[in-house]
Amino acid sequence: MTTYEVNIINNYGSVHARNYCVYAEAPLIEGGGVQQRDILRIVSKVVGPIENGAHKTFSYTTRYFGFIGRRIPAGDGNDKGTVVKLEMEREVDLGDNRDNATCLLAHVSKDGGLGLAISTQEHSAEGSFKIRCMDPKDAPHDVVIGLAYQSSHALSPLVPVAAVPYAYDVDYKITPRGSSIYIVRDDMVLGQVIPTTTLSSGLHVVFRGSQTEARIAENSVGQFSVDMTGFGTTPETPRNPNNDNPSSPSNPPKKEEDRQAQEKESQKQTAAAAAAPIAIIVMGITGAGKSTFLKEVTGQDVPVSDGIDSATTEVHPYTAIVDNQKIMFLDTPGFDDSAQGEAEILGKITTALAQLYSDSVPTKGVIYVHDITGERLTGKARRYLEMFKKIVGENAVRNVTLLMSKWDRNTAAFRARKESDLKNGPWKLLIEGGASVRKIGADEGHEAYLALVREMLANVSTKLKIQEELVDEKLPLNKTGAGQMVDERIREETEAIRAELETLRADRAKERAELANELADWQRKGDLLEAKFGESKLKGDQMALELQRAREELQALRRQQDEQRRLDEQRRLDEKRRLDEQRRLDEQRRLDEQRRLDEDRRRQQQEEEEYGRRQRQIEEQQRQQRESRTAEYNALIERAGNAFEDCYMAEALQLFSQAYAIAVAEFGPGDPRTNETQRNINIIRTEYLGSSIDKSR
């Protein structure tokens, strides 16, 4: 689907208003010896009027459909006496061959039903689509296939613009040539065929949807401003072309040519900015240089990490245009983010990647940024690299670039050692799978970063393993390879916390036992002091002081024991809150997954209902056709009988023969009506044709 925004300006210099509409240009059809006719067909209703000196802006959307249908008599001589009745159509994709442009498979069933399916195994050439006539060899002569347009402008319906005969085992390649704006009369009607020679005064703006005009992709918007000055003539003031004047509109001065060239380049940039983007994913641990890379490539204000706290806490897209290609760079948080857990980060990254794949944004490359200045890979960095492998998968490794950032920040010997350690260690399997390794210095400029991006533009689009698992296989996150890895990590951390908690509990129990024993000792000492108090008055004061100190120490021990119990309870509550939050997050993920599955089931049910409705329509059409052919047969039999009774044997023989052809096609050779008609033909030929009673002699 291609959308254009058009601004029409009426500067004819006449008092009369002007109407306009959109015509489909004749497509190029190759295959089966087809001869292309030079015609145009109206695909939008007449719009207007636009008064002199006024302008009007409208949006125009072109959708292309391959179809299969029947050619039936029109009775008005408009298109060589026939019109095309569409029975099944499929919208087609005119992307390049790597984007799997549509290939359609057409067939006619034994009962005469027509079908059209989309092949998932074949590709079509860029800017075109293919229709293959599958079976049977003896398809009815009235079956046709071809191209139809649909314009959203003025609520236009599907309009067939080209049809060719259905031919067994023939591949037709159809290349749409776009649409044009033309000045029209009020009596033009939708679908009318007009010879191109009658539209010489049409405006020069042509809508394109194929490779001939820079591939304007789905949902893009092309902007055109059309000035009617110099197009056509008015009945009151015939226009002088003035071709001899070098400053006339047909011979603009050099400055005008320069301005037009600048406008053309500007339109080219606008079309590239509006085209469907490709995606490049940027991943790496905190402080590796992801944000610096994106800032250099896109020229946007991207927050940069200080190496401790992550500057990226959410998945964030940044858009740039490189070599007229719109690119969406997806910035991702590192798994060593100090503010988020691994499960939360994985959920954000995989949700964004699944949405990217569902929106049909092709992935050209994945960049893994690694800071070369670090002495060694930490445990978290190694886990992140393993998680990265699970997300990408083996089939997409060829699109991975391992980028060593800050290359110029250490000595040559250090860089050589680190490069060797990475290539022969944690990066070895990725490199063997097809990943490329690139280096970039911290002080290198914009062009160095763009050179890396241009390399990725040449890649074949790929599908990441996590996209295949979540979207194609519809697995919940915790069943994917990456999700299972995070779950295993959570289980390990939980077990470690539990083991540490048990150790703390054992230590606290031991300390409480030691405090109880020490308290008992002090209690015994106090008892002894009190026993000796009566023995000596001189020692009384000293013993009282010692007893007081013992009691104070006992109270201090009790306070210490109470504080320890409070700390133990606080740790228990903290652990409970953490586990409760983990369960809440798991439940939320489960509910999100359930909602997604329910939506998939609802959409599938709607598709099945629509398919049943269309099948019933096809069956009703087939029934009506059979009734029509049966009525035609009965009429021929009646006329043949009348001719026979009137002794016009040649006419009777001809009518019986026509009825016999219909009987064989509709009822079959073994039907009693077929056999009876054959017997009548044989009797007339052998006994009555040319006899004395035959008036047709």
Foldseek 3Di string as FASTA:
>chain_A
DAKAKEKEFAAAVDQDWFKKFKKFFFWDKDKPPDDTDGWIFTQAAIDDGAGHGGMDMDMKDKWKKKFKFFWDAPPPCQPPRTDTDTQDIDTWFQAAQLLATWEKEWEADPLGFIDIDTDPPHGDHHQKYKYFYADDQCHDFGMWIAMWMHMPHNPGDTAGDDIDTRHHGMMMIIHGAFMFMATDDNPDDHGGMDRPVVGQLGFDDTGGQTVVQVHQHPPFYQYYYGYSYPGDADPVDGDDQPPVDCVGPVNNDPVVVVVVVVVVVVSLLSSLQRGQAAEEEEAEAAQLCRQVLCCLQAVDDGDHGPRPAHSDPAFDWGWHADPSGIYTYTYAYHCVHPPDHNVVRVVRVLVVLLVCVVVVRFYLAYEYGGALPDPDQDPSRLLRLVLVCLFADLVRLLRYEYEHEQLVVDDPVSSVVSVVCVCPDSCVVSVVSNYHYYYDHPPDHSVVSSVVVVVSVPGSTDRGQSNCVCPVVVDQQCPGPSNVSSVVVVVVVVVVVVVVLVVLVVVLVVVVVVLVVVLVVLVVLLVVLVVCCVVDVVCNVVSVVVNVVSVVVNVVSVVVNVVSVVVSVVVVVVVVVVVVVVVVVVVVSVVVSVVVVVVVVVVVVVVVVVVVVSVVVSVVVSVVVLVVLVVVLVVLQVVLVVCVVQQQLVSSLVSLVVSLVSCCVRVNCPDPVNVVSVVVNVCSVPPRVPDPSRPND
